[in-house]
Amino acid sequence: MKKIMTALFLVALVITGVTFSCTRIDAGHEGILVKQYGSDKGVQDVSLVTGRVFYNPLSENVYEFPIFIQTADYEAFNVNAKDGSVFTVDPTISFAVTPGKSPHIFSKYRKRIEEITKTTLYNYVKDAFRNQMNKYSTDELISN
């Protein structure tokens, strides 16, 4: 009887360990493995594939990073032309993270894609409009 109880306990322990050491990466996402301890701690260069992924929950974390096409609709802002005229632009962009590049983006910005879209990408879009509109006069912008 004692052997049966010990065996049942070990089976329950293994089932519990397997249950808590796996996660599911949804379709259109990549998993990013981050090791918390050891000589190779930090974001791992290899992205995890879609599906069920096993990891050590005591020393590793898995983050999901979307790689599908997303659309960002930003608030309108003012931009000056070369001659000082003010134009209002209301940008909407569509973008997608290149598969396999999500670990590099995650390690560079240390943010989820939603935060990157609201802050960093918004600043890049705003700077691009400002830099390009400063090259043209009002007449050149309106006539094109």
C-alpha atoms as a PDB file:
ATOM      1  CA  MET A   1       0.000   0.000   0.000  1.00  0.00           C
ATOM      2  CA  LYS A   2       2.866   2.329   0.838  1.00  0.00           C
ATOM      3  CA  LYS A   3       4.463   1.731  -2.586  1.00  0.00           C
ATOM      4  CA  ILE A   4       1.184   2.548  -4.335  1.00  0.00           C
ATOM      5  CA  MET A   5       0.797   5.803  -2.393  1.00  0.00           C
ATOM      6  CA  THR A   6       4.392   6.762  -3.161  1.00  0.00           C
ATOM      7  CA  ALA A   7       3.896   5.981  -6.853  1.00  0.00           C
ATOM      8  CA  LEU A   8       0.644   7.996  -6.951  1.00  0.00           C
ATOM      9  CA  PHE A   9       2.382  10.905  -5.242  1.00  0.00           C
ATOM     10  CA  LEU A  10       5.231  10.819  -7.771  1.00  0.00           C
ATOM     11  CA  VAL A  11       2.797  10.636 -10.703  1.00  0.00           C
ATOM     12  CA  ALA A  12       0.830  13.598  -9.296  1.00  0.00           C
ATOM     13  CA  LEU A  13       4.082  15.509  -8.809  1.00  0.00           C
ATOM     14  CA  VAL A  14       5.180  14.857 -12.404  1.00  0.00           C
ATOM     15  CA  ILE A  15       1.767  15.865 -13.798  1.00  0.00           C
ATOM     16  CA  THR A  16       1.813  19.070 -11.740  1.00  0.00           C
ATOM     17  CA  GLY A  17       5.365  19.857 -12.872  1.00  0.00           C
ATOM     18  CA  VAL A  18       4.523  19.336 -16.536  1.00  0.00           C
ATOM     19  CA  THR A  19       1.353  21.420 -16.209  1.00  0.00           C
ATOM     20  CA  PHE A  20       3.141  24.415 -14.711  1.00  0.00           C
ATOM     21  CA  SER A  21       6.203  24.191 -16.960  1.00  0.00           C
ATOM     22  CA  CYS A  22       4.481  24.656 -20.294  1.00  0.00           C
ATOM     23  CA  THR A  23       2.624  27.451 -21.996  1.00  0.00           C
ATOM     24  CA  ARG A  24       0.894  27.908 -25.308  1.00  0.00           C
ATOM     25  CA  ILE A  25       2.107  30.404 -27.905  1.00  0.00           C
ATOM     26  CA  ASP A  26      -0.870  31.579 -29.957  1.00  0.00           C
ATOM     27  CA  ALA A  27      -0.910  31.669 -33.748  1.00  0.00           C
ATOM     28  CA  GLY A  28       0.566  34.896 -35.091  1.00  0.00           C
ATOM     29  CA  HIS A  29       2.883  35.223 -32.093  1.00  0.00           C
ATOM     30  CA  GLU A  30       6.439  34.253 -31.233  1.00  0.00           C
ATOM     31  CA  GLY A  31       7.576  33.237 -27.795  1.00  0.00           C
ATOM     32  CA  ILE A  32      10.549  34.989 -26.239  1.00  0.00           C
ATOM     33  CA  LEU A  33      12.483  32.970 -23.665  1.00  0.00           C
ATOM     34  CA  VAL A  34      14.109  35.024 -20.903  1.00  0.00           C
ATOM     35  CA  LYS A  35      16.465  33.216 -18.534  1.00  0.00           C
ATOM     36  CA  GLN A  36      16.567  34.731 -15.045  1.00  0.00           C
ATOM     37  CA  TYR A  37      19.715  33.041 -13.704  1.00  0.00           C
ATOM     38  CA  GLY A  38      23.008  31.589 -14.869  1.00  0.00           C
ATOM     39  CA  SER A  39      25.796  32.621 -17.184  1.00  0.00           C
ATOM     40  CA  ASP A  40      23.457  32.946 -20.180  1.00  0.00           C
ATOM     41  CA  LYS A  41      20.738  34.928 -18.410  1.00  0.00           C
ATOM     42  CA  GLY A  42      18.694  37.431 -20.350  1.00  0.00           C
ATOM     43  CA  VAL A  43      16.760  37.281 -23.600  1.00  0.00           C
ATOM     44  CA  GLN A  44      17.667  34.237 -25.675  1.00  0.00           C
ATOM     45  CA  ASP A  45      18.357  34.764 -29.383  1.00  0.00           C
ATOM     46  CA  VAL A  46      16.065  31.946 -30.472  1.00  0.00           C
ATOM     47  CA  SER A  47      12.354  32.700 -30.740  1.00  0.00           C
ATOM     48  CA  LEU A  48       9.921  29.984 -29.721  1.00  0.00           C
ATOM     49  CA  VAL A  49       7.448  28.680 -32.250  1.00  0.00           C
ATOM     50  CA  THR A  50       3.666  28.663 -32.151  1.00  0.00           C
ATOM     51  CA  GLY A  51       2.164  25.880 -30.068  1.00  0.00           C
ATOM     52  CA  ARG A  52       2.928  24.324 -26.709  1.00  0.00           C
ATOM     53  CA  VAL A  53       6.333  25.242 -25.265  1.00  0.00           C
ATOM     54  CA  PHE A  54       8.053  23.710 -22.252  1.00  0.00           C
ATOM     55  CA  TYR A  55      10.262  25.805 -19.973  1.00  0.00           C
ATOM     56  CA  ASN A  56      11.515  25.913 -16.380  1.00  0.00           C
ATOM     57  CA  PRO A  57       9.178  28.318 -14.527  1.00  0.00           C
ATOM     58  CA  LEU A  58      11.652  28.697 -11.649  1.00  0.00           C
ATOM     59  CA  SER A  59      14.431  30.141 -13.801  1.00  0.00           C
ATOM     60  CA  GLU A  60      12.800  31.190 -17.091  1.00  0.00           C
ATOM     61  CA  ASN A  61       9.950  33.379 -18.321  1.00  0.00           C
ATOM     62  CA  VAL A  62       8.195  33.187 -21.677  1.00  0.00           C
ATOM     63  CA  TYR A  63       6.700  36.315 -23.259  1.00  0.00           C
ATOM     64  CA  GLU A  64       4.457  36.376 -26.328  1.00  0.00           C
ATOM     65  CA  PHE A  65       5.297  38.872 -29.059  1.00  0.00           C
ATOM     66  CA  PRO A  66       2.858  39.417 -31.958  1.00  0.00           C
ATOM     67  CA  ILE A  67       4.211  39.045 -35.493  1.00  0.00           C
ATOM     68  CA  PHE A  68       0.952  39.612 -37.375  1.00  0.00           C
ATOM     69  CA  ILE A  69       0.096  42.853 -39.204  1.00  0.00           C
ATOM     70  CA  GLN A  70      -1.092  45.558 -36.820  1.00  0.00           C
ATOM     71  CA  THR A  71      -2.473  49.035 -37.443  1.00  0.00           C
ATOM     72  CA  ALA A  72      -1.666  52.098 -35.366  1.00  0.00           C
ATOM     73  CA  ASP A  73      -3.914  55.159 -35.712  1.00  0.00           C
ATOM     74  CA  TYR A  74      -2.189  58.141 -34.126  1.00  0.00           C
ATOM     75  CA  GLU A  75      -3.590  61.475 -32.998  1.00  0.00           C
ATOM     76  CA  ALA A  76      -3.272  64.339 -35.455  1.00  0.00           C
ATOM     77  CA  PHE A  77      -0.281  66.633 -34.959  1.00  0.00           C
ATOM     78  CA  ASN A  78       1.127  69.762 -36.587  1.00  0.00           C
ATOM     79  CA  VAL A  79       4.214  69.820 -38.799  1.00  0.00           C
ATOM     80  CA  ASN A  80       5.958  72.830 -40.334  1.00  0.00           C
ATOM     81  CA  ALA A  81       6.896  73.087 -43.993  1.00  0.00           C
ATOM     82  CA  LYS A  82      10.172  74.587 -45.202  1.00  0.00           C
ATOM     83  CA  ASP A  83       8.712  78.106 -45.359  1.00  0.00           C
ATOM     84  CA  GLY A  84       7.070  77.903 -41.919  1.00  0.00           C
ATOM     85  CA  SER A  85       3.537  76.963 -42.953  1.00  0.00           C
ATOM     86  CA  VAL A  86       1.779  74.631 -40.545  1.00  0.00           C
ATOM     87  CA  PHE A  87       0.164  71.418 -41.770  1.00  0.00           C
ATOM     88  CA  THR A  88      -1.879  68.979 -39.720  1.00  0.00           C
ATOM     89  CA  VAL A  89      -1.182  65.310 -40.384  1.00  0.00           C
ATOM     90  CA  ASP A  90      -3.205  62.372 -39.086  1.00  0.00           C
ATOM     91  CA  PRO A  91      -1.060  59.267 -39.659  1.00  0.00           C
ATOM     92  CA  THR A  92      -2.258  55.678 -39.684  1.00  0.00           C
ATOM     93  CA  ILE A  93       0.353  52.991 -40.258  1.00  0.00           C
ATOM     94  CA  SER A  94       0.306  49.227 -40.630  1.00  0.00           C
ATOM     95  CA  PHE A  95       3.325  47.222 -39.534  1.00  0.00           C
ATOM     96  CA  ALA A  96       4.453  43.736 -38.616  1.00  0.00           C
ATOM     97  CA  VAL A  97       7.468  42.412 -36.769  1.00  0.00           C
ATOM     98  CA  THR A  98       9.666  40.242 -38.984  1.00  0.00           C
ATOM     99  CA  PRO A  99       9.520  36.629 -37.754  1.00  0.00           C
ATOM    100  CA  GLY A 100      12.680  35.821 -35.804  1.00  0.00           C
ATOM    101  CA  LYS A 101      13.426  39.470 -34.916  1.00  0.00           C
ATOM    102  CA  SER A 102      11.186  39.701 -31.849  1.00  0.00           C
ATOM    103  CA  PRO A 103      13.932  38.728 -29.330  1.00  0.00           C
ATOM    104  CA  HIS A 104      16.128  41.588 -30.615  1.00  0.00           C
ATOM    105  CA  ILE A 105      13.270  44.104 -30.390  1.00  0.00           C
ATOM    106  CA  PHE A 106      12.291  42.879 -26.919  1.00  0.00           C
ATOM    107  CA  SER A 107      15.862  43.081 -25.612  1.00  0.00           C
ATOM    108  CA  LYS A 108      16.429  46.544 -27.139  1.00  0.00           C
ATOM    109  CA  TYR A 109      13.277  48.267 -25.868  1.00  0.00           C
ATOM    110  CA  ARG A 110      12.312  46.066 -22.877  1.00  0.00           C
ATOM    111  CA  LYS A 111       8.641  46.735 -23.608  1.00  0.00           C
ATOM    112  CA  ARG A 112       5.692  44.920 -25.081  1.00  0.00           C
ATOM    113  CA  ILE A 113       4.688  45.785 -28.658  1.00  0.00           C
ATOM    114  CA  GLU A 114       1.701  47.852 -27.492  1.00  0.00           C
ATOM    115  CA  GLU A 115       3.971  50.173 -25.500  1.00  0.00           C
ATOM    116  CA  ILE A 116       6.511  50.371 -28.339  1.00  0.00           C
ATOM    117  CA  THR A 117       3.703  51.319 -30.742  1.00  0.00           C
ATOM    118  CA  LYS A 118       2.398  54.078 -28.448  1.00  0.00           C
ATOM    119  CA  THR A 119       5.774  55.625 -27.626  1.00  0.00           C
ATOM    120  CA  THR A 120       8.801  54.718 -29.731  1.00  0.00           C
ATOM    121  CA  LEU A 121       7.078  54.074 -33.063  1.00  0.00           C
ATOM    122  CA  TYR A 122       4.975  57.233 -32.622  1.00  0.00           C
ATOM    123  CA  ASN A 123       8.161  59.272 -32.170  1.00  0.00           C
ATOM    124  CA  TYR A 124       9.705  57.709 -35.293  1.00  0.00           C
ATOM    125  CA  VAL A 125       6.584  58.501 -37.342  1.00  0.00           C
ATOM    126  CA  LYS A 126       6.454  62.066 -36.049  1.00  0.00           C
ATOM    127  CA  ASP A 127      10.157  62.616 -36.789  1.00  0.00           C
ATOM    128  CA  ALA A 128       9.779  61.171 -40.295  1.00  0.00           C
ATOM    129  CA  PHE A 129       6.938  63.578 -41.099  1.00  0.00           C
ATOM    130  CA  ARG A 130       8.855  66.507 -39.621  1.00  0.00           C
ATOM    131  CA  ASN A 131      12.062  65.697 -41.520  1.00  0.00           C
ATOM    132  CA  GLN A 132      10.331  65.154 -44.859  1.00  0.00           C
ATOM    133  CA  MET A 133       7.985  68.153 -44.646  1.00  0.00           C
ATOM    134  CA  ASN A 134      10.907  70.456 -43.775  1.00  0.00           C
ATOM    135  CA  LYS A 135      12.391  69.686 -47.211  1.00  0.00           C
ATOM    136  CA  TYR A 136       9.461  71.172 -49.166  1.00  0.00           C
ATOM    137  CA  SER A 137       7.756  74.555 -49.393  1.00  0.00           C
ATOM    138  CA  THR A 138       4.003  74.993 -49.103  1.00  0.00           C
ATOM    139  CA  ASP A 139       3.579  75.242 -52.876  1.00  0.00           C
ATOM    140  CA  GLU A 140       5.526  72.025 -53.452  1.00  0.00           C
ATOM    141  CA  LEU A 141       3.455  70.144 -50.876  1.00  0.00           C
ATOM    142  CA  ILE A 142       0.093  71.355 -52.138  1.00  0.00           C
ATOM    143  CA  SER A 143       0.838  70.886 -55.844  1.00  0.00           C
ATOM    144  CA  ASN A 144       1.908  67.229 -55.387  1.00  0.00           C
END
